[in-house]
Amino acid sequence: MRRDWEADVILMSNTVFTGLKNEPEAASIAIKGNRIRAVGHKDEISSFIGTETKVYDFGDQLIMPGFHDFHIHLMMGSIEMDSVNLMDAKSQEEALEMVRTFAESRPEEEWILGFAWDNENWADPKLPHRFSLDRVVKDRPVILSHVECHHAWVNSKALEMMGITKHTEDPPFGEFAKDSTGELTGIAYEHAMILMYEGAFSSFSEDKKVTLLRNFFQAAAASGVTSVNDVYLPQSGTLDEFPILKQMEDNGELTARVHFSPPLNADLEKAGQIKETYSTEKLQFSGLKQFVDGVLGGRTASLLEPYSDKRETHGTTAFPPDRIRKWIVDADREGFRVRLHAIGDGAVRLALDAYEEARKLNGVRDSRHTIEHIEVIHKEDIKRFQELGVIASMQPYHLAAAEKSVYTARIGKDREELAFPINTLKKAGARLAFGTDFPVVPLNPMLGVFNAVTRADITKDPDNAWNQNECITISETLKAYTYGSAYSSFRERELGTLEEGKLADIVVLDKNLFTIKPEEILSAKVSLTIMDGKAVYEKSTSGAGTVPVK
């Protein structure tokens, strides 16, 4: 018997991972408007086919919920895509030649920006100097972000433009590095780096920002990413993309849902105004975010015990601990969820202590407060995530940021056992939400999926794998990258699984991740991305699943 409605789109496959079970199964999905209206067997769903229905049969390709990247820096990532990428440089000389070539190709650019250099991967791992950068670009300011995005390499012109001299006082939680003679080296750490970026970003026109954001959404759709959480970077005051995103939404240009978290500080009135302004299905306020510490690479992450390779320091916090605790207690009292960047075990403990204090003073509620990264943790703090209802927001591809030996030199063997403790936290009852930290690492979800199931470092050598007892399954990984992120965004009733009534955000991959070898995950591609019931990316080459069969 005919149903009383006809589907706009029907997707079929022998391999559908709804997220409700641990394995994929044969199924069909009927979409009407922007919602999934039915999921079931092919014969059952075929009754919804009408004269205008588009029917896709994907054979054995994997249909799953759209990827929800729980941790990106949207505007910074959009800028990175239009800048010189230095990830592949194997020496300072190679990096300099890349910068020279890029600068010559952009004679109209006032500032030259670059990302992802890593001296630890160079033949000579010593930090670079501004004088070497001056040799390739002397007349325009240059800012090159380190791969971790917590310090930058700048030339003399950039320092001059920002009025920075060797007599300039370092900002709190920041440093303009100097050599043995007291001269600036051109390396700016943490908040000193932020000061440098303010000049560059203030030069961006509105049209340029729109173009950059459009490029990002195209890349997200091609990667199968249908939702993102844009978390505060200190530059957000200069790069306020929220009004632009609102205009793009009004124009029908948002092809991924954006949940954003502006900075946590003492101005909760402003936060409340932002929350009221942005609250649609595609663009919404999602809490407040702040930094507790920095990163291990620059030894600015806060550790409980000193660094193994520099015993005179154990890092520090981005703000005085009392201020961090007060901000959290006050925000919690006003009903805001809070997300805290905490990489070192000292920062993780401070974050957990602050969340616990907020519960004691304000009462227990479904706050879904979150800790970001958690690269090092003390064993006594593992159980506290479940006890306090704190989300563990993690980025598996950070495991491949460098060779394991380079990383473990900072923390030593004892702390290495609980480095990136994904499975340990999961088994202890913590809720996981996965993302990339784009542009620190690429947006492609396959990279993080691969590292979650293999724990490989940058060499991909099995002998260098990080604590293989921390590996998790494909099913657990995909759930953390879909439902986990949806739950952590308070959207589990709308997103994260393929079931009747939910928003139609769906991706089709050309390989079944459940049956292929782990190394094949890296070559899996997106065949189709649907967001809000509409195809926002479709593979253009011929083959099964690339065009509707009806």
Protein backbone atom coordinates (compact mmCIF):
# COMPACT_ATOMS: atom_id res chain seq x y z
CA MET A 1 0.00 0.00 0.00
CA ARG A 2 1.28 3.49 -0.87
CA ARG A 3 2.37 5.72 1.98
CA ASP A 4 0.87 9.19 2.42
CA TRP A 5 4.19 10.90 1.67
CA GLU A 6 7.04 10.55 -0.79
CA ALA A 7 10.73 10.78 0.01
CA ASP A 8 12.91 13.48 -1.50
CA VAL A 9 15.97 11.24 -1.28
CA ILE A 10 16.51 7.55 -0.53
CA LEU A 11 19.95 6.13 0.26
CA MET A 12 20.61 2.39 0.08
CA SER A 13 23.62 0.29 1.01
CA ASN A 14 24.54 -3.16 2.25
CA THR A 15 26.69 -1.35 4.82
CA VAL A 16 24.85 1.25 6.91
CA PHE A 17 26.27 2.26 10.28
CA THR A 18 23.43 3.98 12.12
CA GLY A 19 25.43 4.43 15.33
CA LEU A 20 22.76 2.56 17.27
CA LYS A 21 24.63 -0.76 16.97
CA ASN A 22 28.30 -1.69 16.88
CA GLU A 23 28.26 -3.07 13.33
CA PRO A 24 26.85 -1.85 10.00
CA GLU A 25 23.97 -3.65 8.33
CA ALA A 26 22.01 -3.53 5.09
CA ALA A 27 19.45 -0.73 5.18
CA SER A 28 17.80 2.12 3.32
CA ILE A 29 17.17 5.67 4.53
CA ALA A 30 14.28 7.88 3.45
CA ILE A 31 14.75 11.65 3.68
CA LYS A 32 11.96 14.22 3.49
CA GLY A 33 12.87 17.88 3.75
CA ASN A 34 15.74 18.16 6.22
CA ARG A 35 14.81 15.10 8.30
CA ILE A 36 15.26 11.36 8.23
CA ARG A 37 11.72 10.04 7.98
CA ALA A 38 12.40 6.30 7.95
CA VAL A 39 15.21 3.75 8.24
CA GLY A 40 14.60 0.11 7.35
CA HIS A 41 14.90 -2.71 4.87
CA LYS A 42 15.06 -1.91 1.17
CA ASP A 43 11.64 -3.41 0.41
CA GLU A 44 9.99 -1.41 3.19
CA ILE A 45 11.61 1.90 2.29
CA SER A 46 10.97 1.50 -1.45
CA SER A 47 7.30 2.27 -0.81
CA PHE A 48 8.33 5.89 -0.19
CA ILE A 49 9.69 6.29 -3.73
CA GLY A 50 7.74 8.84 -5.76
CA THR A 51 8.09 10.37 -9.17
CA GLU A 52 10.52 13.04 -7.92
CA THR A 53 12.48 10.92 -5.44
CA LYS A 54 16.24 10.64 -5.96
CA VAL A 55 17.34 7.11 -5.18
CA TYR A 56 21.01 6.29 -4.53
CA ASP A 57 22.20 2.69 -4.33
CA PHE A 58 25.71 2.61 -2.88
CA GLY A 59 26.27 -1.14 -2.99
CA ASP A 60 28.82 -1.94 -0.28
CA GLN A 61 29.94 1.63 0.42
CA LEU A 62 29.59 2.78 4.02
CA ILE A 63 26.71 5.09 4.92
CA MET A 64 27.03 6.69 8.35
CA PRO A 65 26.13 9.85 10.27
CA GLY A 66 27.98 12.94 9.13
CA PHE A 67 31.24 13.59 10.96
CA HIS A 68 30.90 16.14 13.76
CA ASP A 69 34.30 17.74 14.41
CA PHE A 70 34.07 18.80 18.03
CA HIS A 71 37.16 21.01 18.08
CA ILE A 72 38.22 23.36 15.31
CA HIS A 73 39.32 26.97 15.02
CA LEU A 74 37.16 28.05 12.12
CA MET A 75 38.54 31.40 11.05
CA MET A 76 42.15 30.51 11.80
CA GLY A 77 41.72 27.30 9.83
CA SER A 78 40.17 29.19 6.93
CA ILE A 79 43.20 31.48 6.90
CA GLU A 80 45.57 28.52 7.05
CA MET A 81 44.03 27.08 3.89
CA ASP A 82 45.03 30.28 2.06
CA SER A 83 48.55 30.47 3.53
CA VAL A 84 51.87 28.72 3.01
CA ASN A 85 51.88 25.28 4.65
CA LEU A 86 55.29 24.25 5.96
CA MET A 87 54.37 20.79 7.25
CA ASP A 88 56.49 18.98 4.67
CA ALA A 89 59.63 21.05 5.20
CA LYS A 90 62.50 18.83 6.35
CA SER A 91 64.88 21.68 7.12
CA GLN A 92 64.87 25.39 7.84
CA GLU A 93 66.19 25.98 4.33
CA GLU A 94 63.23 24.13 2.78
CA ALA A 95 60.81 26.14 4.91
CA LEU A 96 62.46 29.39 3.87
CA GLU A 97 62.27 28.49 0.18
CA MET A 98 58.56 27.71 0.57
CA VAL A 99 58.01 31.10 2.18
CA ARG A 100 59.99 32.86 -0.56
CA THR A 101 57.99 31.17 -3.33
CA PHE A 102 54.68 31.90 -1.65
CA ALA A 103 55.54 35.56 -1.02
CA GLU A 104 56.56 36.02 -4.65
CA SER A 105 53.22 34.52 -5.76
CA ARG A 106 51.29 36.98 -3.54
CA PRO A 107 52.81 40.41 -4.26
CA GLU A 108 49.55 42.11 -3.25
CA GLU A 109 49.45 40.58 0.26
CA GLU A 110 50.32 43.04 3.03
CA TRP A 111 51.22 40.24 5.47
CA ILE A 112 52.70 36.83 4.64
CA LEU A 113 51.24 34.09 6.80
CA GLY A 114 52.32 30.49 7.17
CA PHE A 115 51.56 27.47 9.32
CA ALA A 116 52.81 24.11 10.55
CA TRP A 117 56.60 24.37 10.63
CA ASP A 118 58.17 21.94 13.08
CA ASN A 119 61.86 22.28 13.85
CA GLU A 120 61.80 18.91 15.65
CA ASN A 121 61.29 17.30 12.23
CA TRP A 122 64.17 19.22 10.64
CA ALA A 123 67.63 17.79 10.09
CA ASP A 124 68.89 20.47 12.49
CA PRO A 125 66.17 20.82 15.16
CA LYS A 126 67.31 24.11 16.65
CA LEU A 127 64.78 26.96 16.65
CA PRO A 128 65.01 29.34 13.66
CA HIS A 129 65.88 33.04 13.86
CA ARG A 130 64.25 36.15 12.42
CA PHE A 131 67.43 37.03 10.52
CA SER A 132 67.12 33.94 8.31
CA LEU A 133 63.50 34.90 7.57
CA ASP A 134 64.62 38.44 6.76
CA ARG A 135 66.80 37.06 3.96
CA VAL A 136 63.79 35.77 2.01
CA VAL A 137 61.18 38.45 2.91
CA LYS A 138 62.51 41.75 4.17
CA ASP A 139 59.98 44.36 3.08
CA ARG A 140 56.76 42.75 4.35
CA PRO A 141 55.83 41.34 7.76
CA VAL A 142 55.87 37.53 8.04
CA ILE A 143 54.26 35.38 10.74
CA LEU A 144 54.74 31.62 10.62
CA SER A 145 52.85 29.58 13.19
CA HIS A 146 54.50 26.50 14.66
CA VAL A 147 52.63 23.23 14.07
CA GLU A 148 51.14 23.41 17.59
CA CYS A 149 49.94 27.00 17.04
CA HIS A 150 51.30 28.14 20.39
CA HIS A 151 54.41 29.94 19.17
CA ALA A 152 55.39 31.67 15.97
CA TRP A 153 58.46 32.59 13.93
CA VAL A 154 58.35 36.18 12.70
CA ASN A 155 60.65 38.43 10.72
CA SER A 156 62.06 41.81 11.71
CA LYS A 157 59.45 43.71 9.68
CA ALA A 158 56.63 42.08 11.65
CA LEU A 159 58.23 43.11 14.95
CA GLU A 160 58.71 46.63 13.60
CA MET A 161 55.09 46.88 12.41
CA MET A 162 53.84 45.91 15.88
CA GLY A 163 56.28 48.16 17.70
CA ILE A 164 58.06 45.28 19.41
CA THR A 165 61.68 45.87 20.46
CA LYS A 166 64.08 44.14 22.81
CA HIS A 167 62.87 46.55 25.49
CA THR A 168 59.21 45.54 25.12
CA GLU A 169 57.88 43.87 28.24
CA ASP A 170 56.61 40.33 27.78
CA PRO A 171 52.83 39.94 28.18
CA PRO A 172 51.50 37.64 30.91
CA PHE A 173 51.77 34.00 29.75
CA GLY A 174 53.85 35.05 26.78
CA GLU A 175 57.43 35.67 25.73
CA PHE A 176 59.35 37.41 22.97
CA ALA A 177 62.42 35.16 22.97
CA LYS A 178 65.88 36.75 23.12
CA ASP A 179 69.34 35.39 22.36
CA SER A 180 72.34 35.50 24.66
CA THR A 181 73.03 39.12 23.68
CA GLY A 182 69.50 40.24 24.55
CA GLU A 183 68.37 40.61 20.92
CA LEU A 184 64.96 39.35 19.76
CA THR A 185 65.18 36.00 17.98
CA GLY A 186 61.82 36.29 16.23
CA ILE A 187 60.18 33.48 18.23
CA ALA A 188 57.01 34.64 20.02
CA TYR A 189 55.34 32.35 22.55
CA GLU A 190 51.67 32.15 23.57
CA HIS A 191 50.19 35.61 24.24
CA ALA A 192 53.21 37.28 22.63
CA MET A 193 52.31 35.41 19.44
CA ILE A 194 48.74 36.65 19.78
CA LEU A 195 49.94 40.27 19.81
CA MET A 196 51.75 39.65 16.53
CA TYR A 197 48.68 38.19 14.87
CA GLU A 198 46.49 41.16 15.81
CA GLY A 199 48.24 43.29 13.21
CA ALA A 200 47.85 40.77 10.44
CA PHE A 201 44.22 39.95 11.11
CA SER A 202 43.15 43.57 11.44
CA SER A 203 44.16 44.05 7.80
CA PHE A 204 41.63 41.48 6.53
CA SER A 205 38.69 42.93 4.62
CA GLU A 206 35.15 41.65 5.03
CA ASP A 207 35.19 40.26 1.50
CA LYS A 208 38.39 38.35 2.19
CA LYS A 209 36.90 36.78 5.33
CA VAL A 210 33.82 35.67 3.39
CA THR A 211 35.97 34.10 0.68
CA LEU A 212 38.08 32.28 3.26
CA LEU A 213 35.01 30.90 5.03
CA ARG A 214 33.42 29.73 1.78
CA ASN A 215 36.58 27.79 0.99
CA PHE A 216 36.44 26.18 4.42
CA PHE A 217 32.86 24.97 4.03
CA GLN A 218 33.67 23.48 0.63
CA ALA A 219 36.55 21.56 2.21
CA ALA A 220 34.37 20.43 5.12
CA ALA A 221 31.71 19.05 2.78
CA ALA A 222 34.33 17.19 0.75
CA SER A 223 35.62 15.67 4.00
CA GLY A 224 32.18 14.48 5.14
CA VAL A 225 32.08 16.98 8.00
CA THR A 226 28.50 18.16 8.57
CA SER A 227 28.92 19.82 11.99
CA VAL A 228 31.77 21.64 13.71
CA ASN A 229 32.43 23.20 17.07
CA ASP A 230 34.36 26.44 16.63
CA VAL A 231 36.27 26.96 19.87
CA TYR A 232 37.76 30.23 20.95
CA LEU A 233 41.27 31.23 20.00
CA PRO A 234 42.69 34.38 21.58
CA GLN A 235 42.54 36.08 18.16
CA SER A 236 38.74 35.85 18.12
CA GLY A 237 38.47 39.49 19.21
CA THR A 238 40.14 40.49 15.95
CA LEU A 239 38.47 37.81 13.84
CA ASP A 240 34.84 38.00 14.89
CA GLU A 241 33.33 35.68 12.29
CA PHE A 242 29.92 35.25 13.93
CA PRO A 243 28.11 38.07 12.03
CA ILE A 244 29.59 36.81 8.76
CA LEU A 245 28.42 33.28 9.50
CA LYS A 246 24.95 34.62 10.25
CA GLN A 247 24.87 36.36 6.88
CA MET A 248 26.03 33.17 5.18
CA GLU A 249 23.27 31.25 6.93
CA ASP A 250 20.69 33.78 5.75
CA ASN A 251 22.05 33.36 2.21
CA GLY A 252 21.86 29.56 2.40
CA GLU A 253 25.64 29.17 2.28
CA LEU A 254 26.26 27.19 5.47
CA THR A 255 26.93 23.59 4.44
CA ALA A 256 27.99 22.52 7.94
CA ARG A 257 26.38 23.33 11.28
CA VAL A 258 28.48 25.63 13.43
CA HIS A 259 28.43 25.50 17.23
CA PHE A 260 30.74 28.13 18.65
CA SER A 261 32.27 28.86 22.03
CA PRO A 262 33.54 32.42 22.54
CA PRO A 263 35.99 33.26 25.34
CA LEU A 264 35.29 32.61 28.99
CA ASN A 265 36.10 35.70 31.03
CA ALA A 266 34.45 38.01 33.54
CA ASP A 267 32.03 39.48 30.97
CA LEU A 268 29.12 37.06 31.25
CA GLU A 269 26.63 39.72 30.19
CA LYS A 270 28.20 39.82 26.73
CA ALA A 271 28.20 36.02 26.63
CA GLY A 272 24.49 36.03 27.40
CA GLN A 273 23.81 38.45 24.54
CA ILE A 274 25.73 36.24 22.10
CA LYS A 275 23.79 33.20 23.32
CA GLU A 276 20.47 34.92 22.65
CA THR A 277 21.57 36.15 19.22
CA TYR A 278 22.72 32.82 17.79
CA SER A 279 20.39 29.90 18.41
CA THR A 280 19.33 28.32 15.10
CA GLU A 281 19.70 24.72 13.90
CA LYS A 282 22.73 25.69 11.79
CA LEU A 283 24.42 28.39 13.85
CA GLN A 284 24.34 28.43 17.60
CA PHE A 285 26.18 29.44 20.73
CA SER A 286 27.53 26.36 22.50
CA GLY A 287 29.22 27.59 25.68
CA LEU A 288 32.41 29.36 26.69
CA LYS A 289 36.02 28.29 26.27
CA GLN A 290 39.33 29.25 27.83
CA PHE A 291 42.96 28.12 28.07
CA VAL A 292 44.32 26.68 31.30
CA ASP A 293 47.80 26.01 29.90
CA GLY A 294 49.81 25.83 26.69
CA VAL A 295 51.49 22.89 24.93
CA LEU A 296 54.20 20.35 25.73
CA GLY A 297 56.29 21.21 22.67
CA GLY A 298 56.97 24.72 23.94
CA ARG A 299 57.01 23.54 27.59
CA THR A 300 54.07 25.84 28.34
CA ALA A 301 51.75 22.97 29.32
CA SER A 302 51.28 22.80 33.09
CA LEU A 303 52.64 19.62 34.67
CA LEU A 304 52.37 18.39 38.24
CA GLU A 305 56.08 17.50 38.20
CA PRO A 306 58.95 19.12 36.25
CA TYR A 307 59.60 18.44 32.58
CA SER A 308 61.85 15.45 32.09
CA ASP A 309 64.14 17.34 29.72
CA LYS A 310 64.13 20.64 31.61
CA ARG A 311 63.90 20.02 35.32
CA GLU A 312 63.80 23.71 36.25
CA THR A 313 60.25 24.14 34.94
CA HIS A 314 56.90 22.37 35.10
CA GLY A 315 55.14 24.92 32.92
CA THR A 316 52.56 27.40 34.04
CA THR A 317 48.93 28.39 33.61
CA ALA A 318 47.55 30.89 31.15
CA PHE A 319 45.90 32.82 33.98
CA PRO A 320 46.24 32.73 37.76
CA PRO A 321 44.46 29.60 39.07
CA ASP A 322 42.18 31.62 41.35
CA ARG A 323 40.96 33.65 38.39
CA ILE A 324 40.29 30.50 36.34
CA ARG A 325 38.30 28.97 39.21
CA LYS A 326 36.25 32.13 39.72
CA TRP A 327 35.41 32.42 36.02
CA ILE A 328 34.22 28.81 35.98
CA VAL A 329 32.14 29.05 39.15
CA ASP A 330 30.50 32.27 37.95
CA ALA A 331 29.80 30.90 34.45
CA ASP A 332 28.38 27.69 35.87
CA ARG A 333 26.11 29.64 38.18
CA GLU A 334 24.68 31.46 35.15
CA GLY A 335 24.02 28.19 33.32
CA PHE A 336 26.88 28.31 30.80
CA ARG A 337 28.77 25.19 29.79
CA VAL A 338 32.55 25.62 29.90
CA ARG A 339 35.31 24.11 27.77
CA LEU A 340 38.90 24.25 29.04
CA HIS A 341 42.10 23.65 27.08
CA ALA A 342 44.19 21.50 29.44
CA ILE A 343 47.10 19.47 28.04
CA GLY A 344 49.35 18.84 31.03
CA ASP A 345 48.33 16.79 34.06
CA GLY A 346 48.59 19.90 36.24
CA ALA A 347 46.15 21.77 34.02
CA VAL A 348 43.77 18.79 33.85
CA ARG A 349 43.69 18.60 37.64
CA LEU A 350 43.08 22.34 37.97
CA ALA A 351 40.21 22.10 35.48
CA LEU A 352 38.62 19.16 37.31
CA ASP A 353 39.05 20.89 40.66
CA ALA A 354 37.33 23.99 39.30
CA TYR A 355 34.41 22.00 37.90
CA GLU A 356 34.06 20.16 41.21
CA GLU A 357 34.07 23.44 43.10
CA ALA A 358 31.33 24.78 40.80
CA ARG A 359 29.16 21.74 41.55
CA LYS A 360 29.62 22.17 45.29
CA LEU A 361 28.81 25.87 45.24
CA ASN A 362 26.10 25.95 42.56
CA GLY A 363 24.57 22.49 42.74
CA VAL A 364 24.67 19.55 40.36
CA ARG A 365 23.20 20.04 36.88
CA ASP A 366 23.62 18.62 33.40
CA SER A 367 26.39 21.08 32.55
CA ARG A 368 28.44 18.90 30.17
CA HIS A 369 31.55 20.87 31.02
CA THR A 370 34.48 19.74 28.91
CA ILE A 371 38.24 19.36 29.03
CA GLU A 372 40.11 19.68 25.73
CA HIS A 373 43.12 17.56 24.70
CA ILE A 374 44.12 15.75 27.96
CA GLU A 375 47.48 14.68 26.59
CA VAL A 376 48.89 13.85 30.04
CA ILE A 377 46.84 12.85 33.07
CA HIS A 378 47.53 11.62 36.60
CA LYS A 379 45.97 8.23 37.31
CA GLU A 380 44.06 9.63 40.30
CA ASP A 381 42.14 12.01 38.02
CA ILE A 382 40.86 9.44 35.51
CA LYS A 383 37.73 8.43 37.43
CA ARG A 384 36.79 12.06 38.07
CA PHE A 385 35.56 12.57 34.50
CA GLN A 386 32.70 10.13 35.05
CA GLU A 387 32.08 11.27 38.62
CA LEU A 388 31.79 14.93 37.59
CA GLY A 389 30.10 14.34 34.23
CA VAL A 390 32.98 16.02 32.39
CA ILE A 391 33.33 15.42 28.63
CA ALA A 392 36.74 14.26 27.36
CA SER A 393 37.28 16.15 24.09
CA MET A 394 40.21 14.52 22.31
CA GLN A 395 41.93 14.69 18.93
CA PRO A 396 43.48 11.32 18.00
CA TYR A 397 45.59 12.66 15.14
CA HIS A 398 47.67 14.63 17.65
CA LEU A 399 49.39 11.28 18.20
CA ALA A 400 51.00 11.75 14.80
CA ALA A 401 52.23 15.29 15.38
CA ALA A 402 55.80 14.04 15.84
CA GLU A 403 57.87 10.95 16.53
CA LYS A 404 56.91 9.47 19.87
CA SER A 405 60.48 9.82 21.15
CA VAL A 406 60.45 13.59 20.58
CA TYR A 407 57.26 13.91 22.60
CA THR A 408 58.19 11.54 25.40
CA ALA A 409 61.47 13.36 25.97
CA ARG A 410 59.33 16.11 27.50
CA ILE A 411 57.30 13.89 29.85
CA GLY A 412 59.49 10.83 30.53
CA LYS A 413 58.63 7.14 30.69
CA ASP A 414 56.41 7.21 33.77
CA ARG A 415 54.01 9.80 32.39
CA GLU A 416 54.13 8.23 28.92
CA GLU A 417 51.93 5.36 30.14
CA LEU A 418 48.94 7.71 30.38
CA ALA A 419 49.69 9.92 27.37
CA PHE A 420 46.59 10.49 25.21
CA PRO A 421 44.57 8.11 27.46
CA ILE A 422 41.60 7.57 25.13
CA ASN A 423 40.73 3.98 26.03
CA THR A 424 41.53 4.46 29.71
CA LEU A 425 39.07 7.33 29.95
CA LYS A 426 36.43 5.46 27.95
CA LYS A 427 36.69 2.38 30.18
CA ALA A 428 36.43 4.63 33.23
CA GLY A 429 33.05 5.88 32.01
CA ALA A 430 34.07 9.21 30.47
CA ARG A 431 32.11 10.39 27.44
CA LEU A 432 34.37 10.94 24.44
CA ALA A 433 33.96 13.59 21.75
CA PHE A 434 36.44 13.57 18.85
CA GLY A 435 37.70 16.35 16.61
CA THR A 436 40.83 17.53 14.85
CA ASP A 437 41.95 20.86 16.33
CA PHE A 438 42.08 22.14 12.73
CA PRO A 439 44.24 23.92 11.58
CA VAL A 440 46.75 22.35 13.99
CA VAL A 441 46.09 19.17 12.00
CA PRO A 442 44.15 18.66 8.74
CA LEU A 443 40.35 18.55 8.71
CA ASN A 444 40.19 15.06 7.15
CA PRO A 445 38.47 12.76 9.72
CA MET A 446 40.19 9.67 8.30
CA LEU A 447 43.46 10.76 9.88
CA GLY A 448 41.98 10.77 13.37
CA VAL A 449 40.09 7.53 12.78
CA PHE A 450 43.31 5.82 11.74
CA ASN A 451 45.19 7.02 14.80
CA ALA A 452 42.43 6.12 17.23
CA VAL A 453 42.54 2.48 16.11
CA THR A 454 46.33 2.18 15.59
CA ARG A 455 47.96 4.74 17.94
CA ALA A 456 50.58 5.36 15.24
CA ASP A 457 53.03 8.25 15.49
CA ILE A 458 54.21 10.32 12.53
CA THR A 459 56.43 7.48 11.26
CA LYS A 460 53.49 4.99 11.09
CA ASP A 461 56.00 2.37 12.25
CA PRO A 462 54.15 -0.21 14.41
CA ASP A 463 57.16 -0.32 16.75
CA ASN A 464 56.59 3.36 17.52
CA ALA A 465 52.88 3.01 18.33
CA TRP A 466 51.68 4.84 21.41
CA ASN A 467 50.47 2.49 24.19
CA GLN A 468 48.47 0.04 22.11
CA ASN A 469 46.27 -0.77 25.07
CA GLU A 470 44.79 2.68 24.41
CA CYS A 471 43.53 1.67 20.94
CA ILE A 472 39.77 1.66 20.47
CA THR A 473 37.57 -0.01 17.86
CA ILE A 474 36.24 1.45 14.63
CA SER A 475 32.73 1.48 16.11
CA GLU A 476 33.86 3.31 19.24
CA THR A 477 35.83 5.78 17.13
CA LEU A 478 32.98 6.61 14.77
CA LYS A 479 30.55 7.01 17.68
CA ALA A 480 32.94 9.45 19.38
CA TYR A 481 33.22 11.38 16.10
CA THR A 482 29.42 11.53 15.61
CA TYR A 483 27.11 10.85 18.56
CA GLY A 484 29.79 11.77 21.11
CA SER A 485 30.19 15.22 19.59
CA ALA A 486 26.42 15.64 19.19
CA TYR A 487 25.82 14.73 22.84
CA SER A 488 28.58 17.07 23.95
CA SER A 489 26.86 19.86 22.00
CA PHE A 490 23.47 19.11 23.66
CA ARG A 491 22.18 17.92 20.28
CA GLU A 492 21.92 14.17 20.69
CA ARG A 493 18.17 14.30 20.00
CA GLU A 494 18.81 15.83 16.57
CA LEU A 495 22.22 14.63 15.45
CA GLY A 496 24.78 11.84 15.75
CA THR A 497 22.83 8.74 14.68
CA LEU A 498 20.75 7.70 11.69
CA GLU A 499 17.21 7.26 12.98
CA GLU A 500 13.71 8.50 12.32
CA GLY A 501 13.10 12.13 13.16
CA LYS A 502 16.72 13.27 13.26
CA LEU A 503 18.25 15.90 11.00
CA ALA A 504 19.49 14.41 7.74
CA ASP A 505 23.25 14.89 8.09
CA ILE A 506 24.81 11.86 6.39
CA VAL A 507 28.08 10.87 4.75
CA VAL A 508 28.89 8.01 2.37
CA LEU A 509 32.45 6.66 2.27
CA ASP A 510 33.81 4.68 -0.65
CA LYS A 511 35.31 2.04 1.67
CA ASN A 512 33.83 0.00 4.49
CA LEU A 513 35.98 1.04 7.45
CA PHE A 514 34.85 -2.05 9.38
CA THR A 515 36.43 -4.57 6.99
CA ILE A 516 39.49 -2.91 5.43
CA LYS A 517 43.02 -3.00 6.81
CA PRO A 518 43.83 -0.08 9.14
CA GLU A 519 46.30 1.48 6.70
CA GLU A 520 43.56 1.60 4.05
CA ILE A 521 41.52 3.95 6.24
CA LEU A 522 43.83 6.78 5.19
CA SER A 523 42.81 6.44 1.53
CA ALA A 524 39.05 6.29 2.16
CA LYS A 525 37.21 9.06 0.31
CA VAL A 526 33.81 10.69 0.56
CA SER A 527 31.30 9.75 -2.13
CA LEU A 528 28.42 11.91 -0.91
CA THR A 529 27.78 14.38 1.90
CA ILE A 530 24.25 15.37 2.83
CA MET A 531 23.64 18.18 5.30
CA ASP A 532 20.14 19.28 6.29
CA GLY A 533 18.68 16.92 3.71
CA LYS A 534 20.61 18.40 0.77
CA ALA A 535 23.65 17.08 -1.08
CA VAL A 536 26.47 19.51 -0.34
CA TYR A 537 29.22 17.37 -1.87
CA GLU A 538 29.03 14.62 -4.47
CA LYS A 539 31.97 12.84 -6.04
CA SER A 540 32.10 13.91 -9.67
CA THR A 541 33.76 10.82 -11.14
CA SER A 542 31.64 7.97 -12.47
CA GLY A 543 31.01 4.83 -10.44
CA ALA A 544 28.57 3.25 -8.02
CA GLY A 545 27.01 5.71 -5.68
CA THR A 546 28.12 8.87 -7.42
CA VAL A 547 24.84 9.56 -9.19
CA PRO A 548 21.25 8.66 -8.36
CA VAL A 549 20.04 5.40 -9.88
CA LYS A 550 16.61 6.98 -10.23
